Amino acid sequence: MSPNDDLKALIRTIPDFPKPGIQFRDITTLLLDPGGFATTVARMAAATRGPVDLIAGIEARGFLFAAALAVPLNAGVLLIRKDGKLPGATIAEDYALEYGQDRIVMHEDALVPGARVLLVDDLIATGGTARAAVRLLRKAGGVVEQAQFLVDLPDLGGADALRAEGLDVDSLIAFPGH
């Protein structure tokens, strides 16, 4: 039994979504449980090393965890969004998808150089978006040394890819497969 099995039990698995062979890990069932969500946030906050200035949440479910973590960690919330969703001047980072390219952005004035940033999202799979977010934050002058996720799909290698870029990576729950 692992220490976060209580949280793992709150995550619903939907087979064959969005396509056959995929086991979709649906966190909405955990979010519906007030105690489960509060416990998740408390455990993520406890796993944070050192003070942080900003919690960067990746669109869209990462926003939920970033905002909730910002309160106990006394930090601001920085939004990392898909292109075209933020008003005002932005900086961008392109990254490869299985078929094509995508782009994430943040406001160009969202952080001051040297700001300590914790990257947060609900799930890490291949790590493409998270790695692009790290590049974007570092390009803006942020110091990004840690990333946290509720769920890791370790067989897809995303957490290891972030570790290869010098980050400490934590997740509360791991599911085998994809």
Protein backbone atom coordinates (compact mmCIF):
# COMPACT_ATOMS: atom_id res chain seq x y z
CA MET A 1 0.00 0.00 0.00
CA SER A 2 1.41 3.39 -0.97
CA PRO A 3 0.82 6.59 1.01
CA ASN A 4 -1.53 8.14 -1.56
CA ASP A 5 -3.77 5.14 -2.26
CA ASP A 6 -6.62 7.07 -0.60
CA LEU A 7 -6.34 9.69 -3.37
CA LYS A 8 -5.78 7.14 -6.11
CA ALA A 9 -9.09 5.52 -5.17
CA LEU A 10 -10.85 8.82 -5.94
CA ILE A 11 -9.62 8.89 -9.56
CA ARG A 12 -11.90 7.20 -12.08
CA THR A 13 -10.44 5.27 -15.01
CA ILE A 14 -12.38 5.46 -18.26
CA PRO A 15 -11.26 2.74 -20.70
CA ASP A 16 -10.84 3.42 -24.41
CA PHE A 17 -11.07 7.21 -24.17
CA PRO A 18 -10.34 9.22 -26.24
CA LYS A 19 -9.46 6.22 -28.43
CA PRO A 20 -9.24 2.44 -28.07
CA GLY A 21 -6.42 1.24 -25.81
CA ILE A 22 -6.16 4.44 -23.76
CA GLN A 23 -6.97 4.29 -20.04
CA PHE A 24 -8.10 7.85 -19.30
CA ARG A 25 -7.38 8.92 -15.71
CA ASP A 26 -10.29 11.20 -14.84
CA ILE A 27 -9.46 13.48 -11.90
CA THR A 28 -12.88 15.14 -11.87
CA THR A 29 -14.06 12.53 -9.37
CA LEU A 30 -11.26 13.56 -6.98
CA LEU A 31 -12.14 17.23 -7.47
CA LEU A 32 -15.75 16.48 -6.49
CA ASP A 33 -14.59 15.16 -3.11
CA PRO A 34 -13.85 18.13 -0.80
CA GLY A 35 -11.69 16.09 1.57
CA GLY A 36 -9.81 14.42 -1.27
CA PHE A 37 -9.08 17.74 -2.98
CA ALA A 38 -7.99 19.37 0.30
CA THR A 39 -5.72 16.42 1.07
CA THR A 40 -4.23 16.59 -2.42
CA VAL A 41 -3.39 20.28 -2.04
CA ALA A 42 -1.95 19.76 1.45
CA ARG A 43 0.30 16.92 0.28
CA MET A 44 1.48 18.87 -2.76
CA ALA A 45 2.24 21.89 -0.55
CA ALA A 46 4.18 19.67 1.86
CA ALA A 47 6.26 18.32 -1.04
CA THR A 48 7.33 21.80 -2.12
CA ARG A 49 10.98 22.47 -1.37
CA GLY A 50 12.06 25.97 -0.51
CA PRO A 51 10.05 29.13 -0.86
CA VAL A 52 8.48 29.91 -4.22
CA ASP A 53 7.33 33.23 -5.61
CA LEU A 54 4.95 31.93 -8.26
CA ILE A 55 3.00 28.77 -9.01
CA ALA A 56 2.79 28.30 -12.79
CA GLY A 57 -0.29 26.31 -13.78
CA ILE A 58 -0.65 24.76 -17.22
CA GLU A 59 -4.03 25.17 -18.93
CA ALA A 60 -6.56 24.11 -17.87
CA ARG A 61 -6.63 21.67 -14.95
CA GLY A 62 -3.23 22.89 -13.80
CA PHE A 63 -4.91 26.22 -12.97
CA LEU A 64 -6.97 24.50 -10.26
CA PHE A 65 -3.92 23.12 -8.48
CA ALA A 66 -1.83 26.26 -8.97
CA ALA A 67 -4.50 28.48 -7.42
CA ALA A 68 -5.12 26.12 -4.51
CA LEU A 69 -1.38 25.70 -3.81
CA ALA A 70 -0.72 29.43 -3.99
CA VAL A 71 -2.68 30.03 -0.78
CA PRO A 72 -0.69 27.84 1.64
CA LEU A 73 2.59 28.63 -0.14
CA ASN A 74 1.94 32.40 -0.11
CA ALA A 75 2.73 32.67 -3.81
CA GLY A 76 1.21 34.24 -6.89
CA VAL A 77 -0.39 32.30 -9.73
CA LEU A 78 1.05 32.47 -13.24
CA LEU A 79 -1.10 31.14 -16.09
CA ILE A 80 0.44 29.17 -18.95
CA ARG A 81 -2.13 29.09 -21.74
CA LYS A 82 -2.71 28.01 -25.29
CA ASP A 83 -1.92 30.71 -27.84
CA GLY A 84 -4.59 33.36 -28.35
CA LYS A 85 -6.15 33.08 -24.87
CA LEU A 86 -4.32 35.85 -23.00
CA PRO A 87 -4.90 39.58 -23.57
CA GLY A 88 -1.91 41.88 -23.77
CA ALA A 89 1.67 41.20 -24.74
CA THR A 90 2.83 37.59 -24.44
CA ILE A 91 5.91 35.49 -24.99
CA ALA A 92 5.53 32.07 -26.57
CA GLU A 93 7.14 28.66 -26.83
CA ASP A 94 6.42 26.20 -29.62
CA TYR A 95 6.56 22.46 -29.08
CA ALA A 96 6.03 19.33 -31.10
CA LEU A 97 2.90 17.22 -30.98
CA GLU A 98 2.52 13.73 -32.39
CA TYR A 99 1.19 15.33 -35.58
CA GLY A 100 2.26 18.95 -35.86
CA GLN A 101 3.08 21.83 -33.55
CA ASP A 102 1.43 23.69 -30.71
CA ARG A 103 2.24 26.86 -28.80
CA ILE A 104 1.89 27.98 -25.20
CA VAL A 105 2.14 31.55 -23.96
CA MET A 106 2.36 33.64 -20.83
CA HIS A 107 2.20 37.38 -20.25
CA GLU A 108 5.60 38.89 -20.90
CA ASP A 109 5.42 40.79 -17.61
CA ALA A 110 4.19 37.83 -15.52
CA LEU A 111 7.45 37.38 -13.65
CA VAL A 112 10.53 39.32 -12.73
CA PRO A 113 13.86 37.72 -13.60
CA GLY A 114 15.04 35.54 -10.74
CA ALA A 115 11.53 34.68 -9.54
CA ARG A 116 11.33 31.16 -8.09
CA VAL A 117 8.64 29.25 -9.96
CA LEU A 118 6.97 25.93 -9.16
CA LEU A 119 5.42 24.30 -12.26
CA VAL A 120 2.15 22.46 -11.59
CA ASP A 121 -0.27 20.38 -13.64
CA ASP A 122 -2.76 17.63 -12.99
CA LEU A 123 -0.98 14.92 -14.98
CA ILE A 124 2.40 14.27 -16.62
CA ALA A 125 2.42 11.92 -19.60
CA THR A 126 4.97 12.46 -22.38
CA GLY A 127 5.99 15.82 -20.91
CA GLY A 128 5.86 17.83 -24.12
CA THR A 129 3.76 20.66 -22.74
CA ALA A 130 5.53 20.68 -19.37
CA ARG A 131 8.96 20.82 -21.01
CA ALA A 132 7.79 23.71 -23.22
CA ALA A 133 6.47 25.48 -20.11
CA VAL A 134 9.86 25.13 -18.40
CA ARG A 135 11.60 26.59 -21.47
CA LEU A 136 9.09 29.45 -21.56
CA LEU A 137 9.49 30.26 -17.87
CA ARG A 138 13.28 30.11 -18.08
CA LYS A 139 13.28 32.28 -21.22
CA ALA A 140 11.40 34.90 -19.16
CA GLY A 141 14.08 34.70 -16.44
CA GLY A 142 12.27 32.41 -14.01
CA VAL A 143 14.16 29.96 -11.82
CA VAL A 144 12.35 26.65 -12.30
CA GLU A 145 13.74 23.78 -10.28
CA GLN A 146 10.67 21.77 -9.30
CA ALA A 147 7.50 20.48 -10.95
CA GLN A 148 4.57 18.79 -9.26
CA PHE A 149 1.76 16.69 -10.64
CA LEU A 150 -1.15 14.85 -9.12
CA VAL A 151 -0.72 11.92 -11.53
CA ASP A 152 2.33 10.52 -13.33
CA LEU A 153 2.12 8.05 -16.20
CA PRO A 154 5.76 6.91 -15.84
CA ASP A 155 5.69 4.55 -18.82
CA LEU A 156 5.34 7.60 -21.10
CA GLY A 157 8.57 9.19 -19.79
CA GLY A 158 7.52 12.78 -19.18
CA ALA A 159 8.77 13.01 -15.61
CA ASP A 160 12.13 11.54 -16.61
CA ALA A 161 12.38 14.07 -19.47
CA LEU A 162 11.86 16.90 -16.97
CA ARG A 163 14.46 15.40 -14.63
CA ALA A 164 16.90 15.37 -17.57
CA GLU A 165 16.36 19.13 -17.77
CA GLY A 166 17.40 19.55 -14.14
CA LEU A 167 14.04 19.57 -12.37
CA ASP A 168 12.96 17.79 -9.23
CA VAL A 169 9.69 16.11 -10.22
CA ASP A 170 7.09 14.96 -7.73
CA SER A 171 3.73 13.29 -8.22
CA LEU A 172 1.35 11.90 -5.67
CA ILE A 173 0.07 9.00 -7.78
CA ALA A 174 1.47 6.84 -10.58
CA PHE A 175 -0.51 4.70 -12.96
CA PRO A 176 1.25 2.13 -15.15
CA GLY A 177 0.54 2.10 -18.88
CA HIS A 178 -0.96 4.96 -20.82
